Amino acid sequence: MDDKCINYNKDNIFLPLTITLPKLFVGGSFDSAGGKAIHYLASWNGNTWDSAGTGVNGAVNTLTVFNSKLFVGGWFTTAGGHNANYIASYSESPSITGIENVAVNSTVNVFPNPSNGKFNVEMTTDQQTETKNHIEIYSMLGDKVYEASMDNGRNSVDLKGCNKGMYLYTVLASNGTVINQGKIMVQ
């Protein structure tokens, strides 16, 4: 086998997607790259293939960069030995970690999650009365699909016109400070 080839599992129809950072990352349903046992997520430095950290335990079907971080989505439940629930972030440490909703200065409730595309977003702290707070929602490809102000710390989000899948949300204060970030699933 050529040391520049990836060996794809023939039983799956996932095609790898690529993202360029300092390295090229490839995700898909494969079990080796460049003759090395590398499963589902690989990096290419221009000369050789390598695993991306300890990898994930299932097929990768999307890669994107958001806030200078590589996000990986697919049919896996662990990444780098951490719970991931179909989405993970990668850093050059190297490590892959599952994504947890990260609260910064506030608690934000998003419900129901998952849903059919209609979500409620509510802030539960003193920042909820600030009129300039707003929410942004991005697809896994990094496209902003929704943006709106948070009236009295509340917003009803309707993503019914969007494709089913995983989305990333960010709630921002009027000065641009991140109040909360997380993931939502449209089924």
N, C-alpha and C. Protein backbone atom coordinates (compact mmCIF):
# COMPACT_ATOMS: atom_id res chain seq x y z
N MET A 1 0.84 -1.18 0.00
CA MET A 1 0.00 0.00 0.00
C MET A 1 0.89 1.24 0.00
N ASP A 2 0.51 2.22 -0.77
CA ASP A 2 1.22 3.50 -0.84
C ASP A 2 1.15 4.20 0.51
N ASP A 3 2.26 4.80 0.96
CA ASP A 3 2.27 5.45 2.26
C ASP A 3 1.49 6.76 2.28
N LYS A 4 0.92 7.15 1.16
CA LYS A 4 0.09 8.35 1.10
C LYS A 4 -1.40 8.01 1.00
N CYS A 5 -1.75 6.74 1.11
CA CYS A 5 -3.13 6.29 0.94
C CYS A 5 -3.83 6.09 2.27
N ILE A 6 -5.16 6.23 2.20
CA ILE A 6 -6.01 5.88 3.34
C ILE A 6 -6.82 4.67 2.93
N ASN A 7 -6.90 3.66 3.80
CA ASN A 7 -7.66 2.46 3.52
C ASN A 7 -9.06 2.60 4.10
N TYR A 8 -10.06 2.78 3.24
CA TYR A 8 -11.43 2.98 3.67
C TYR A 8 -12.14 1.67 3.91
N ASN A 9 -12.98 1.64 4.94
CA ASN A 9 -13.82 0.47 5.16
C ASN A 9 -14.82 0.40 4.01
N LYS A 10 -14.90 -0.72 3.37
CA LYS A 10 -15.75 -0.85 2.19
C LYS A 10 -17.24 -0.94 2.52
N ASP A 11 -17.57 -1.27 3.79
CA ASP A 11 -18.97 -1.44 4.18
C ASP A 11 -19.69 -0.12 4.44
N ASN A 12 -18.96 0.97 4.51
CA ASN A 12 -19.56 2.25 4.86
C ASN A 12 -19.52 3.21 3.69
N ILE A 13 -20.44 4.16 3.69
CA ILE A 13 -20.48 5.12 2.60
C ILE A 13 -19.97 6.49 3.02
N PHE A 14 -19.42 6.62 4.24
CA PHE A 14 -18.90 7.90 4.67
C PHE A 14 -17.71 8.30 3.82
N LEU A 15 -17.72 9.49 3.34
CA LEU A 15 -16.57 10.03 2.62
C LEU A 15 -15.84 10.96 3.56
N PRO A 16 -14.52 10.98 3.50
CA PRO A 16 -13.78 11.85 4.41
C PRO A 16 -13.96 13.31 4.01
N LEU A 17 -13.95 14.16 5.01
CA LEU A 17 -13.97 15.60 4.79
C LEU A 17 -12.65 16.15 5.29
N THR A 18 -12.20 17.24 4.72
CA THR A 18 -10.90 17.76 5.12
C THR A 18 -11.01 19.20 5.59
N ILE A 19 -10.10 19.55 6.45
CA ILE A 19 -9.99 20.91 6.97
C ILE A 19 -8.49 21.22 7.02
N THR A 20 -8.11 22.40 6.68
CA THR A 20 -6.71 22.76 6.74
C THR A 20 -6.44 23.65 7.94
N LEU A 21 -5.54 23.22 8.80
CA LEU A 21 -5.00 24.03 9.89
C LEU A 21 -3.49 24.03 9.62
N PRO A 22 -2.64 24.03 10.64
CA PRO A 22 -1.23 23.82 10.31
C PRO A 22 -1.03 22.47 9.63
N LYS A 23 -1.99 21.59 9.83
CA LYS A 23 -1.98 20.28 9.19
C LYS A 23 -3.31 20.11 8.45
N LEU A 24 -3.35 19.11 7.60
CA LEU A 24 -4.59 18.73 6.95
C LEU A 24 -5.20 17.61 7.78
N PHE A 25 -6.47 17.74 8.13
CA PHE A 25 -7.17 16.70 8.89
C PHE A 25 -8.19 16.03 7.99
N VAL A 26 -8.29 14.72 8.11
CA VAL A 26 -9.23 13.94 7.31
C VAL A 26 -10.04 13.06 8.25
N GLY A 27 -11.34 13.08 8.08
CA GLY A 27 -12.21 12.23 8.87
C GLY A 27 -13.02 11.34 7.96
N GLY A 28 -13.45 10.22 8.45
CA GLY A 28 -14.26 9.31 7.65
C GLY A 28 -14.40 7.98 8.35
N SER A 29 -14.56 6.94 7.55
CA SER A 29 -14.66 5.59 8.07
C SER A 29 -13.52 4.79 7.46
N PHE A 30 -12.36 4.85 8.08
CA PHE A 30 -11.19 4.14 7.58
C PHE A 30 -10.43 3.54 8.77
N ASP A 31 -9.58 2.55 8.46
CA ASP A 31 -8.85 1.88 9.53
C ASP A 31 -7.34 2.00 9.41
N SER A 32 -6.86 2.64 8.36
CA SER A 32 -5.42 2.89 8.27
C SER A 32 -5.15 4.05 7.34
N ALA A 33 -4.01 4.68 7.57
CA ALA A 33 -3.55 5.78 6.71
C ALA A 33 -2.04 5.70 6.63
N GLY A 34 -1.52 5.71 5.43
CA GLY A 34 -0.08 5.63 5.25
C GLY A 34 0.53 4.37 5.83
N GLY A 35 -0.25 3.28 5.85
CA GLY A 35 0.24 2.02 6.39
C GLY A 35 0.17 1.92 7.90
N LYS A 36 -0.29 2.97 8.57
CA LYS A 36 -0.42 2.96 10.03
C LYS A 36 -1.85 2.66 10.41
N ALA A 37 -2.04 2.00 11.54
CA ALA A 37 -3.39 1.74 12.06
C ALA A 37 -3.92 3.05 12.65
N ILE A 38 -4.74 3.73 11.87
CA ILE A 38 -5.35 5.00 12.28
C ILE A 38 -6.83 4.88 11.97
N HIS A 39 -7.66 5.09 12.97
CA HIS A 39 -9.09 4.90 12.80
C HIS A 39 -9.84 6.22 12.82
N TYR A 40 -10.57 6.49 11.74
CA TYR A 40 -11.59 7.53 11.65
C TYR A 40 -11.10 8.98 11.56
N LEU A 41 -9.95 9.33 12.13
CA LEU A 41 -9.47 10.71 12.10
C LEU A 41 -7.95 10.71 11.98
N ALA A 42 -7.46 11.35 10.91
CA ALA A 42 -6.02 11.36 10.65
C ALA A 42 -5.56 12.77 10.33
N SER A 43 -4.26 13.01 10.52
CA SER A 43 -3.68 14.29 10.13
C SER A 43 -2.54 14.03 9.14
N TRP A 44 -2.33 14.98 8.24
CA TRP A 44 -1.30 14.89 7.21
C TRP A 44 -0.43 16.13 7.34
N ASN A 45 0.88 15.94 7.53
CA ASN A 45 1.79 17.09 7.69
C ASN A 45 2.50 17.47 6.40
N GLY A 46 2.10 16.88 5.30
CA GLY A 46 2.74 17.12 4.02
C GLY A 46 3.64 15.98 3.59
N ASN A 47 4.02 15.13 4.56
CA ASN A 47 4.88 13.99 4.27
C ASN A 47 4.32 12.67 4.76
N THR A 48 3.74 12.68 5.95
CA THR A 48 3.26 11.43 6.54
C THR A 48 1.90 11.62 7.20
N TRP A 49 1.17 10.50 7.33
CA TRP A 49 -0.09 10.46 8.05
C TRP A 49 0.19 10.16 9.52
N ASP A 50 -0.63 10.68 10.39
CA ASP A 50 -0.53 10.40 11.80
C ASP A 50 -1.93 10.39 12.40
N SER A 51 -2.06 9.77 13.57
CA SER A 51 -3.35 9.82 14.25
C SER A 51 -3.51 11.19 14.89
N ALA A 52 -4.74 11.60 15.08
CA ALA A 52 -5.04 12.86 15.77
C ALA A 52 -5.30 12.50 17.23
N GLY A 53 -4.29 12.61 18.05
CA GLY A 53 -4.41 12.20 19.45
C GLY A 53 -4.71 10.72 19.52
N THR A 54 -5.55 10.33 20.47
CA THR A 54 -5.95 8.92 20.57
C THR A 54 -7.20 8.64 19.75
N GLY A 55 -7.72 9.66 19.08
CA GLY A 55 -8.81 9.47 18.14
C GLY A 55 -10.19 9.32 18.75
N VAL A 56 -11.10 8.84 17.91
CA VAL A 56 -12.50 8.65 18.28
C VAL A 56 -12.87 7.19 18.05
N ASN A 57 -14.02 6.76 18.58
CA ASN A 57 -14.40 5.35 18.47
C ASN A 57 -15.46 5.07 17.42
N GLY A 58 -15.65 5.97 16.46
CA GLY A 58 -16.61 5.75 15.39
C GLY A 58 -16.35 6.69 14.23
N ALA A 59 -17.09 6.50 13.16
CA ALA A 59 -16.87 7.26 11.92
C ALA A 59 -17.03 8.77 12.14
N VAL A 60 -16.19 9.53 11.45
CA VAL A 60 -16.24 10.99 11.45
C VAL A 60 -16.87 11.41 10.14
N ASN A 61 -17.92 12.25 10.20
CA ASN A 61 -18.54 12.68 8.95
C ASN A 61 -18.57 14.18 8.77
N THR A 62 -17.98 14.95 9.70
CA THR A 62 -17.85 16.38 9.47
C THR A 62 -16.72 16.95 10.30
N LEU A 63 -16.04 17.93 9.73
CA LEU A 63 -14.97 18.66 10.39
C LEU A 63 -15.20 20.14 10.14
N THR A 64 -14.95 20.97 11.14
CA THR A 64 -15.05 22.41 10.93
C THR A 64 -14.17 23.12 11.94
N VAL A 65 -13.83 24.36 11.64
CA VAL A 65 -13.09 25.20 12.58
C VAL A 65 -14.05 26.26 13.09
N PHE A 66 -14.10 26.42 14.42
CA PHE A 66 -14.94 27.42 15.06
C PHE A 66 -14.13 28.03 16.19
N ASN A 67 -14.02 29.35 16.20
CA ASN A 67 -13.21 30.05 17.21
C ASN A 67 -11.80 29.45 17.31
N SER A 68 -11.18 29.22 16.16
CA SER A 68 -9.81 28.72 16.05
C SER A 68 -9.61 27.32 16.63
N LYS A 69 -10.67 26.54 16.74
CA LYS A 69 -10.57 25.18 17.26
C LYS A 69 -11.20 24.23 16.25
N LEU A 70 -10.60 23.06 16.05
CA LEU A 70 -11.15 22.05 15.15
C LEU A 70 -12.23 21.27 15.87
N PHE A 71 -13.42 21.21 15.29
CA PHE A 71 -14.52 20.41 15.83
C PHE A 71 -14.77 19.24 14.90
N VAL A 72 -15.04 18.09 15.49
CA VAL A 72 -15.22 16.84 14.77
C VAL A 72 -16.61 16.32 15.12
N GLY A 73 -17.40 15.97 14.12
CA GLY A 73 -18.72 15.40 14.35
C GLY A 73 -18.86 14.07 13.64
N GLY A 74 -19.62 13.17 14.22
CA GLY A 74 -19.80 11.87 13.57
C GLY A 74 -20.50 10.89 14.49
N TRP A 75 -20.33 9.62 14.17
CA TRP A 75 -21.02 8.53 14.88
C TRP A 75 -20.11 7.92 15.94
N PHE A 76 -19.63 8.74 16.87
CA PHE A 76 -18.77 8.26 17.93
C PHE A 76 -19.30 8.75 19.28
N THR A 77 -18.94 8.02 20.33
CA THR A 77 -19.38 8.38 21.67
C THR A 77 -18.23 8.71 22.61
N THR A 78 -17.00 8.40 22.18
CA THR A 78 -15.84 8.80 22.95
C THR A 78 -14.80 9.42 22.02
N ALA A 79 -14.03 10.35 22.58
CA ALA A 79 -12.94 11.00 21.85
C ALA A 79 -11.82 11.25 22.84
N GLY A 80 -10.64 10.75 22.52
CA GLY A 80 -9.51 10.92 23.43
C GLY A 80 -9.76 10.32 24.80
N GLY A 81 -10.62 9.30 24.87
CA GLY A 81 -10.94 8.67 26.13
C GLY A 81 -12.01 9.38 26.95
N HIS A 82 -12.59 10.45 26.42
CA HIS A 82 -13.63 11.22 27.11
C HIS A 82 -14.98 11.00 26.44
N ASN A 83 -16.07 11.15 27.19
CA ASN A 83 -17.39 11.11 26.58
C ASN A 83 -17.51 12.24 25.59
N ALA A 84 -18.06 11.95 24.42
CA ALA A 84 -18.12 12.96 23.37
C ALA A 84 -19.53 13.14 22.82
N ASN A 85 -20.35 12.10 22.79
CA ASN A 85 -21.71 12.20 22.27
C ASN A 85 -21.78 12.86 20.91
N TYR A 86 -21.02 12.33 19.97
CA TYR A 86 -21.09 12.68 18.55
C TYR A 86 -20.38 13.97 18.16
N ILE A 87 -19.77 14.67 19.11
CA ILE A 87 -19.05 15.89 18.77
C ILE A 87 -17.86 16.02 19.71
N ALA A 88 -16.73 16.48 19.15
CA ALA A 88 -15.52 16.65 19.96
C ALA A 88 -14.72 17.81 19.40
N SER A 89 -13.82 18.33 20.21
CA SER A 89 -12.89 19.36 19.75
C SER A 89 -11.48 18.81 19.82
N TYR A 90 -10.62 19.33 18.96
CA TYR A 90 -9.24 18.86 18.87
C TYR A 90 -8.30 20.04 19.06
N SER A 91 -7.24 19.81 19.84
CA SER A 91 -6.19 20.80 19.94
C SER A 91 -4.86 20.09 19.73
N GLU A 92 -3.84 20.84 19.39
CA GLU A 92 -2.55 20.26 19.05
C GLU A 92 -1.76 19.77 20.25
N SER A 93 -2.36 19.62 21.43
CA SER A 93 -1.61 19.25 22.62
C SER A 93 -0.86 17.92 22.49
N PRO A 94 -1.19 16.86 21.81
CA PRO A 94 -2.43 16.64 21.10
C PRO A 94 -3.47 16.00 22.01
N SER A 95 -4.67 16.44 21.87
CA SER A 95 -5.74 15.79 22.61
C SER A 95 -7.05 16.04 21.91
N ILE A 96 -7.95 15.09 22.06
CA ILE A 96 -9.31 15.24 21.59
C ILE A 96 -10.18 15.11 22.82
N THR A 97 -11.09 16.02 22.99
CA THR A 97 -11.95 15.96 24.17
C THR A 97 -13.40 16.07 23.77
N GLY A 98 -14.25 15.47 24.56
CA GLY A 98 -15.68 15.64 24.36
C GLY A 98 -16.06 17.07 24.69
N ILE A 99 -17.14 17.54 24.14
CA ILE A 99 -17.57 18.90 24.37
C ILE A 99 -18.60 18.93 25.48
N GLU A 100 -18.35 19.74 26.42
CA GLU A 100 -19.31 19.98 27.50
C GLU A 100 -19.83 21.39 27.33
N ASN A 101 -21.06 21.65 27.73
CA ASN A 101 -21.55 23.02 27.72
C ASN A 101 -20.75 23.79 28.75
N VAL A 102 -20.11 24.87 28.31
CA VAL A 102 -19.23 25.65 29.17
C VAL A 102 -19.94 26.92 29.57
N ALA A 103 -20.21 27.07 30.84
CA ALA A 103 -20.86 28.28 31.33
C ALA A 103 -19.79 29.26 31.79
N VAL A 104 -19.92 30.51 31.36
CA VAL A 104 -19.00 31.56 31.76
C VAL A 104 -19.85 32.67 32.36
N ASN A 105 -19.76 32.89 33.65
CA ASN A 105 -20.49 33.96 34.34
C ASN A 105 -22.00 33.79 34.36
N SER A 106 -22.54 32.70 33.94
CA SER A 106 -23.99 32.61 33.84
C SER A 106 -24.44 31.18 33.65
N THR A 107 -25.71 30.97 33.89
CA THR A 107 -26.32 29.71 33.54
C THR A 107 -27.34 29.98 32.45
N VAL A 108 -27.26 29.21 31.39
CA VAL A 108 -28.20 29.33 30.28
C VAL A 108 -28.84 27.96 30.09
N ASN A 109 -30.15 27.94 30.04
CA ASN A 109 -30.87 26.70 29.78
C ASN A 109 -31.35 26.71 28.34
N VAL A 110 -31.11 25.62 27.62
CA VAL A 110 -31.58 25.45 26.25
C VAL A 110 -32.45 24.20 26.26
N PHE A 111 -33.72 24.35 25.87
CA PHE A 111 -34.64 23.22 25.94
C PHE A 111 -35.75 23.36 24.90
N PRO A 112 -36.35 22.27 24.46
CA PRO A 112 -35.86 20.90 24.62
C PRO A 112 -34.63 20.69 23.75
N ASN A 113 -33.77 19.83 24.17
CA ASN A 113 -32.55 19.55 23.42
C ASN A 113 -32.22 18.08 23.58
N PRO A 114 -32.38 17.31 22.50
CA PRO A 114 -32.66 17.66 21.12
C PRO A 114 -34.13 18.04 20.90
N SER A 115 -34.38 18.63 19.71
CA SER A 115 -35.75 19.01 19.36
C SER A 115 -35.95 18.92 17.86
N ASN A 116 -37.14 19.32 17.43
CA ASN A 116 -37.47 19.33 16.00
C ASN A 116 -37.00 20.61 15.31
N GLY A 117 -36.29 21.46 16.03
CA GLY A 117 -35.78 22.71 15.47
C GLY A 117 -36.24 23.93 16.24
N LYS A 118 -37.21 23.75 17.13
CA LYS A 118 -37.67 24.86 17.97
C LYS A 118 -37.10 24.68 19.37
N PHE A 119 -36.34 25.72 19.82
CA PHE A 119 -35.68 25.69 21.11
C PHE A 119 -36.04 26.94 21.89
N ASN A 120 -36.01 26.83 23.19
CA ASN A 120 -36.11 27.98 24.08
C ASN A 120 -34.75 28.17 24.73
N VAL A 121 -34.32 29.42 24.82
CA VAL A 121 -33.05 29.76 25.46
C VAL A 121 -33.38 30.74 26.58
N GLU A 122 -32.99 30.39 27.81
CA GLU A 122 -33.28 31.24 28.97
C GLU A 122 -32.04 31.40 29.83
N MET A 123 -31.76 32.64 30.21
CA MET A 123 -30.69 32.93 31.16
C MET A 123 -31.29 32.93 32.55
N THR A 124 -30.52 32.44 33.53
CA THR A 124 -31.06 32.33 34.88
C THR A 124 -30.22 33.09 35.90
N THR A 125 -29.63 34.22 35.50
CA THR A 125 -28.84 35.03 36.42
C THR A 125 -29.20 36.50 36.24
N ASP A 126 -28.49 37.36 36.97
CA ASP A 126 -28.74 38.79 36.89
C ASP A 126 -28.49 39.36 35.49
N GLN A 127 -27.68 38.69 34.67
CA GLN A 127 -27.40 39.19 33.33
C GLN A 127 -28.59 39.06 32.40
N GLN A 128 -29.64 38.36 32.83
CA GLN A 128 -30.78 38.15 31.94
C GLN A 128 -31.51 39.45 31.61
N THR A 129 -31.38 40.47 32.44
CA THR A 129 -32.10 41.72 32.18
C THR A 129 -31.33 42.65 31.25
N GLU A 130 -30.07 42.34 30.95
CA GLU A 130 -29.31 43.19 30.03
C GLU A 130 -29.92 43.06 28.64
N THR A 131 -30.30 44.18 28.06
CA THR A 131 -31.05 44.15 26.81
C THR A 131 -30.19 43.86 25.59
N LYS A 132 -28.90 43.98 25.67
CA LYS A 132 -28.05 43.80 24.49
C LYS A 132 -27.46 42.39 24.37
N ASN A 133 -27.81 41.48 25.27
CA ASN A 133 -27.36 40.09 25.13
C ASN A 133 -27.92 39.52 23.84
N HIS A 134 -27.17 38.65 23.20
CA HIS A 134 -27.71 38.01 22.00
C HIS A 134 -27.15 36.60 21.85
N ILE A 135 -27.83 35.84 21.01
CA ILE A 135 -27.45 34.45 20.76
C ILE A 135 -27.06 34.31 19.29
N GLU A 136 -26.02 33.51 19.05
CA GLU A 136 -25.60 33.16 17.70
C GLU A 136 -25.56 31.64 17.61
N ILE A 137 -26.02 31.10 16.48
CA ILE A 137 -26.00 29.66 16.27
C ILE A 137 -25.28 29.38 14.95
N TYR A 138 -24.36 28.41 15.01
CA TYR A 138 -23.53 28.06 13.86
C TYR A 138 -23.73 26.59 13.49
N SER A 139 -23.69 26.33 12.17
CA SER A 139 -23.69 24.94 11.70
C SER A 139 -22.32 24.34 11.95
N MET A 140 -22.18 23.04 11.78
CA MET A 140 -20.89 22.39 11.96
C MET A 140 -19.91 22.76 10.86
N LEU A 141 -20.38 23.44 9.83
CA LEU A 141 -19.49 23.93 8.78
C LEU A 141 -19.00 25.34 9.09
N GLY A 142 -19.45 25.90 10.23
CA GLY A 142 -19.01 27.22 10.64
C GLY A 142 -19.87 28.36 10.12
N ASP A 143 -20.97 28.04 9.44
CA ASP A 143 -21.87 29.08 8.93
C ASP A 143 -22.82 29.54 10.02
N LYS A 144 -22.96 30.87 10.17
CA LYS A 144 -23.92 31.40 11.12
C LYS A 144 -25.31 31.21 10.53
N VAL A 145 -26.17 30.46 11.24
CA VAL A 145 -27.50 30.16 10.73
C VAL A 145 -28.59 30.93 11.48
N TYR A 146 -28.22 31.55 12.61
CA TYR A 146 -29.22 32.26 13.41
C TYR A 146 -28.51 33.27 14.30
N GLU A 147 -29.14 34.44 14.44
CA GLU A 147 -28.65 35.45 15.38
C GLU A 147 -29.83 36.30 15.81
N ALA A 148 -29.95 36.55 17.11
CA ALA A 148 -31.06 37.36 17.61
C ALA A 148 -30.72 37.89 19.00
N SER A 149 -31.39 38.98 19.38
CA SER A 149 -31.21 39.51 20.73
C SER A 149 -31.99 38.66 21.71
N MET A 150 -31.59 38.75 22.97
CA MET A 150 -32.24 38.00 24.04
C MET A 150 -33.11 38.99 24.81
N ASP A 151 -34.43 38.97 24.60
CA ASP A 151 -35.34 39.86 25.29
C ASP A 151 -35.55 39.38 26.71
N ASN A 152 -35.11 40.20 27.68
CA ASN A 152 -35.21 39.86 29.11
C ASN A 152 -34.62 38.48 29.40
N GLY A 153 -33.53 38.16 28.71
CA GLY A 153 -32.85 36.90 28.97
C GLY A 153 -33.52 35.68 28.38
N ARG A 154 -34.44 35.90 27.43
CA ARG A 154 -35.16 34.77 26.81
C ARG A 154 -35.18 34.93 25.29
N ASN A 155 -35.25 33.79 24.63
CA ASN A 155 -35.38 33.79 23.18
C ASN A 155 -35.97 32.45 22.75
N SER A 156 -36.86 32.51 21.77
CA SER A 156 -37.37 31.30 21.13
C SER A 156 -36.69 31.18 19.78
N VAL A 157 -35.99 30.09 19.57
CA VAL A 157 -35.21 29.86 18.37
C VAL A 157 -35.97 28.88 17.48
N ASP A 158 -36.07 29.20 16.19
CA ASP A 158 -36.71 28.30 15.24
C ASP A 158 -35.72 27.97 14.13
N LEU A 159 -35.19 26.75 14.15
CA LEU A 159 -34.25 26.28 13.13
C LEU A 159 -34.91 25.28 12.20
N LYS A 160 -36.23 25.32 12.09
CA LYS A 160 -36.93 24.33 11.27
C LYS A 160 -36.52 24.37 9.80
N GLY A 161 -36.03 25.51 9.31
CA GLY A 161 -35.57 25.61 7.93
C GLY A 161 -34.16 25.06 7.73
N CYS A 162 -33.51 24.67 8.82
CA CYS A 162 -32.14 24.16 8.74
C CYS A 162 -32.14 22.63 8.68
N ASN A 163 -31.05 22.09 8.19
CA ASN A 163 -30.90 20.64 8.12
C ASN A 163 -30.84 20.03 9.51
N LYS A 164 -31.22 18.77 9.60
CA LYS A 164 -31.06 18.04 10.86
C LYS A 164 -29.58 17.90 11.14
N GLY A 165 -29.24 17.92 12.43
CA GLY A 165 -27.84 17.74 12.80
C GLY A 165 -27.46 18.55 14.02
N MET A 166 -26.16 18.61 14.28
CA MET A 166 -25.60 19.28 15.43
C MET A 166 -25.29 20.74 15.08
N TYR A 167 -25.58 21.64 16.02
CA TYR A 167 -25.29 23.07 15.89
C TYR A 167 -24.61 23.55 17.16
N LEU A 168 -23.81 24.59 17.05
CA LEU A 168 -23.13 25.20 18.19
C LEU A 168 -23.77 26.54 18.47
N TYR A 169 -24.05 26.83 19.75
CA TYR A 169 -24.61 28.14 20.09
C TYR A 169 -23.66 28.88 21.01
N THR A 170 -23.73 30.21 20.94
CA THR A 170 -22.98 31.09 21.81
C THR A 170 -23.91 32.20 22.26
N VAL A 171 -23.99 32.45 23.56
CA VAL A 171 -24.73 33.58 24.11
C VAL A 171 -23.69 34.62 24.49
N LEU A 172 -23.84 35.85 23.96
CA LEU A 172 -22.86 36.91 24.15
C LEU A 172 -23.47 38.09 24.89
N ALA A 173 -22.66 38.73 25.73
CA ALA A 173 -23.06 39.97 26.40
C ALA A 173 -22.88 41.13 25.41
N SER A 174 -23.38 42.30 25.77
CA SER A 174 -23.31 43.45 24.89
C SER A 174 -21.88 43.84 24.53
N ASN A 175 -20.92 43.55 25.40
CA ASN A 175 -19.52 43.89 25.12
C ASN A 175 -18.80 42.79 24.33
N GLY A 176 -19.51 41.73 23.94
CA GLY A 176 -18.93 40.64 23.16
C GLY A 176 -18.39 39.49 23.99
N THR A 177 -18.44 39.62 25.31
CA THR A 177 -17.97 38.56 26.19
C THR A 177 -18.89 37.34 26.07
N VAL A 178 -18.29 36.16 25.99
CA VAL A 178 -19.07 34.93 25.91
C VAL A 178 -19.67 34.65 27.28
N ILE A 179 -20.97 34.51 27.32
CA ILE A 179 -21.69 34.17 28.54
C ILE A 179 -21.83 32.67 28.66
N ASN A 180 -22.13 32.01 27.54
CA ASN A 180 -22.33 30.56 27.55
C ASN A 180 -22.17 30.04 26.14
N GLN A 181 -21.68 28.80 26.02
CA GLN A 181 -21.57 28.11 24.74
C GLN A 181 -22.04 26.69 24.93
N GLY A 182 -22.53 26.09 23.85
CA GLY A 182 -22.94 24.70 23.93
C GLY A 182 -23.32 24.16 22.58
N LYS A 183 -23.98 23.01 22.61
CA LYS A 183 -24.40 22.36 21.38
C LYS A 183 -25.90 22.08 21.47
N ILE A 184 -26.54 22.10 20.31
CA ILE A 184 -27.94 21.72 20.22
C ILE A 184 -28.10 20.76 19.05
N MET A 185 -29.10 19.91 19.15
CA MET A 185 -29.34 18.90 18.11
C MET A 185 -30.72 19.08 17.53
N VAL A 186 -30.78 19.21 16.20
CA VAL A 186 -32.05 19.25 15.48
C VAL A 186 -32.28 17.87 14.89
N GLN A 187 -33.44 17.24 15.25
CA GLN A 187 -33.73 15.89 14.76
C GLN A 187 -34.81 15.91 13.72
